Amino acid sequence: MDQALDIERCDLESRINNTTHHTDQNGLDRLIVRRGLPFTITLHLRSGSQFQAGVSTFRLIVEIGPLPKEQSGTKSTFSLTDSASKTAWSASTTSPPGNVVSLSVSSPPDVPIGLYSLTLDQGQKVKLGEFVLLFNPWCAKDAVYMEEERDRQEYVLSQAGLIYKGTTKRIKASPWTFGQFEPGMLDICLKLLDENPKYSSDADADCSGRRNPVYVTRVISAMINSNDDKGVLVGNWSGDYDDGVRPSHWTDSVAILHQWADNCCQRVRYGQCWVFAAVACTVSRALGIPCRVVTNFGSAHDTNSNLLIEFLYDEDGNDISDDSVWNFHVWVDNWMARPDLDAGYDGWQASDPTPQEKSEGVFCCGPVPLKAIKEGELNLKYDAPFVFAEVNADVVEYVKLTNGRMVKMGGSSMDVGHFISTKAVGSDERHDITHLYKHPEGSLQEREVYERAKHHNDLQQKGQEPGLKVKIKVSPDMDIGADFDVFAVIANNTEADKTCRVMFYARIVSYDGKPGANCGFIEDLTMEVPTGKGQVSFVSLRAIYSISQKHGTYVFLTLLSSDLVGIQRGYNQVNQKLSAQISLENPLPEPLQNCFFSVMGAGLTDGKILIQNVGTVGPKQEAKYTVEFTPTSIGSRTLTVDFDSDKLSNIKGYLNIEIKE
């Protein structure tokens, strides 16, 4: 009978393994490895106990989840073999006889990710420890494999990024700290998986499903919002955030996820699309799924899946539509293979965690291949019609008369889906990826795709073609904090002169297309519009700054220049104190009250948000703050800054810092 090994201790060799597996930024005090790549553990035997290859026999057991089963792939039992297996868990050793045994343990590239236990069985079972197994973009057999190292550095390992907001004419970059390797983040991301309703209903089936990045991405999409589960964020577009945090105030995912986890998974108030997307990016990267944040300008929200955005107005000009077009909308792309689909749909997949419409009964969206969206293949999983409409819906406008008749007033096939943007790999440049989502706007290919994809329905047949065309133009010299002019340009393309009744007003509109108060109004203006090519009539309207100020609505997405933050003194060395000078000039003709700077940086501020109250800042005066911090990690780091006040918010800047040893 074989003599059982008398194990004194097991060294999981986390320092060596984590470095080899590109998980060392999580720390070196616990074993975190990626699937499909061997890792080493060392058994130290008590005096008198000897290991001898071919004589000493034992089995290893790996298990994940509360009810692991061999048949579901959440449990595996295996013995020593001469070489590593590529399709099953395996272990091998080249250790000579003695009381130190070095084992090479290999996992297949398609097993579930998550927290595993490792047990040695030789009649009696000895628990050797626990380890976390992640997706592996470095393994060619893993579904999330990325070929280029620079892409893996950007989409998996980078802890900071830029999110694009604004309008098609004013695209602004806003910094965000993803912080996926900050203390506690990995455990919170794993907890998020365990809090999803599928885990509650069948834990083993859910854990087994975590072998598939498509499945995990759908869970993430559902759990980032809290509409129908114990998810992270509450969405709020009302403008009233008194019982929570204004969405524009967030600058990092770390604070949000910690708040959720530290408060027994109580949902965090509040988020909007870029916050949902940024947190989803953090969780994806933490688990090893390559991810990027994407902004679509002129983004459609199609509520009835007919690929049309139907703007409905009553005779007084009130918007009674369910559909909308947002100035911008933000979601994520995840990189993965799609073996569940026909060949050709691997690569970037769109996923949207902002709660808008239900998918299979749950508020989530995607993942859907970008190629399917571009080619109008709307029968492919998941939620292709909704994402297609976001980037390529046609817009039609109707007036509903008092007698109930619908009159078509106009429309466009070119208003939706512009300047689809993400941060470029390895730089702070904006990378336009519109061509990955759609053919050139207005091209024959784009129209053919739309016609192939659209759902024909009765609403397309409503109304009649008008004889008048109206365009709205804004004065090009519009200044922040001042009144400005808006013009209605009316063209008559009929065969006769027209007498028109014009009602013209300006309203404050949030980025998601929801109207607010009027800030300019002209009612019952009668005017003559002559016929003839090139003949147009103008109506001007003065938009009043004081009204928009009264209602507290400012959509200045970033006023900060690249020199907002500057290193003031100190050496860019790890564990050496640094200082940064932050300043902002008040661009408004009135004082800003309750002014705060918030500063955060992964590997720079020890996972904390540094907050400074700078009080009142007068017109054209500067708010200043000198912040001190001690970097704890080497490499490229990003310091992000948020400025908040009673009249201006969502003002952000950042500085990239190279920290040396």
Foldseek 3Di string as FASTA:
>chain_A
DADAFAFPAKAQQQQVQCVVQVNCLLPRPAHEHEAQDKGKMKTATDPPGKDAPPRHWKKKKKADWDDGDVVLLRIDIEIEDCDADQAAWYKYFPDHMDRMTMIIIHHHLQFAWAKMWMWIGDPDIDTRGIYTYFHGLCHPPHFQHDDDPLLCCFQQVDQKFWDWDDFPVDIDTFIAGLQLSAPPNLVLLRVLLCFQVVCVVPVSNSRSVNSDVFSVLQSLLQQCEPPPTLHAADEDDPPDQPVADDQLFHRYLLVSSCVCVVVVSHYHPHHFQVNSASNSSSSCSSRPWGKFKKKWAFFKADPPLQLEQEFEAEPVGDTPGPIFTFRMGMHMWTFGQDPVDDPDQGTTFTWGSGQRDDWPRTRIWDRDGLQCLAQLVQVDDDPSSRRNSRAFGWYWYWYQYPVRATATEDTGRQSHTPQIWTADRPDRDIDRPSVSNYPPPPDPSRVVSCVVNGDDDDVVVGHDYDQKDWDKDWDPPDDPAFKTKIKIKIAGADPFKDKDFDKDWDFDADRRGDTDHTQWTDGGDIDIFGHDPPGIDMDMIIGGSVVCQVVLDDPPQAPDDQVQKDWDDWDLAAQTKTKIKGKDFAQHQAKWAFKKKWKDKNQKASSDIDMDTQGIAGHRGMRMDMDMTGGHDAAKMKMKMWMDTSRDGNHIYMDIGGHHD
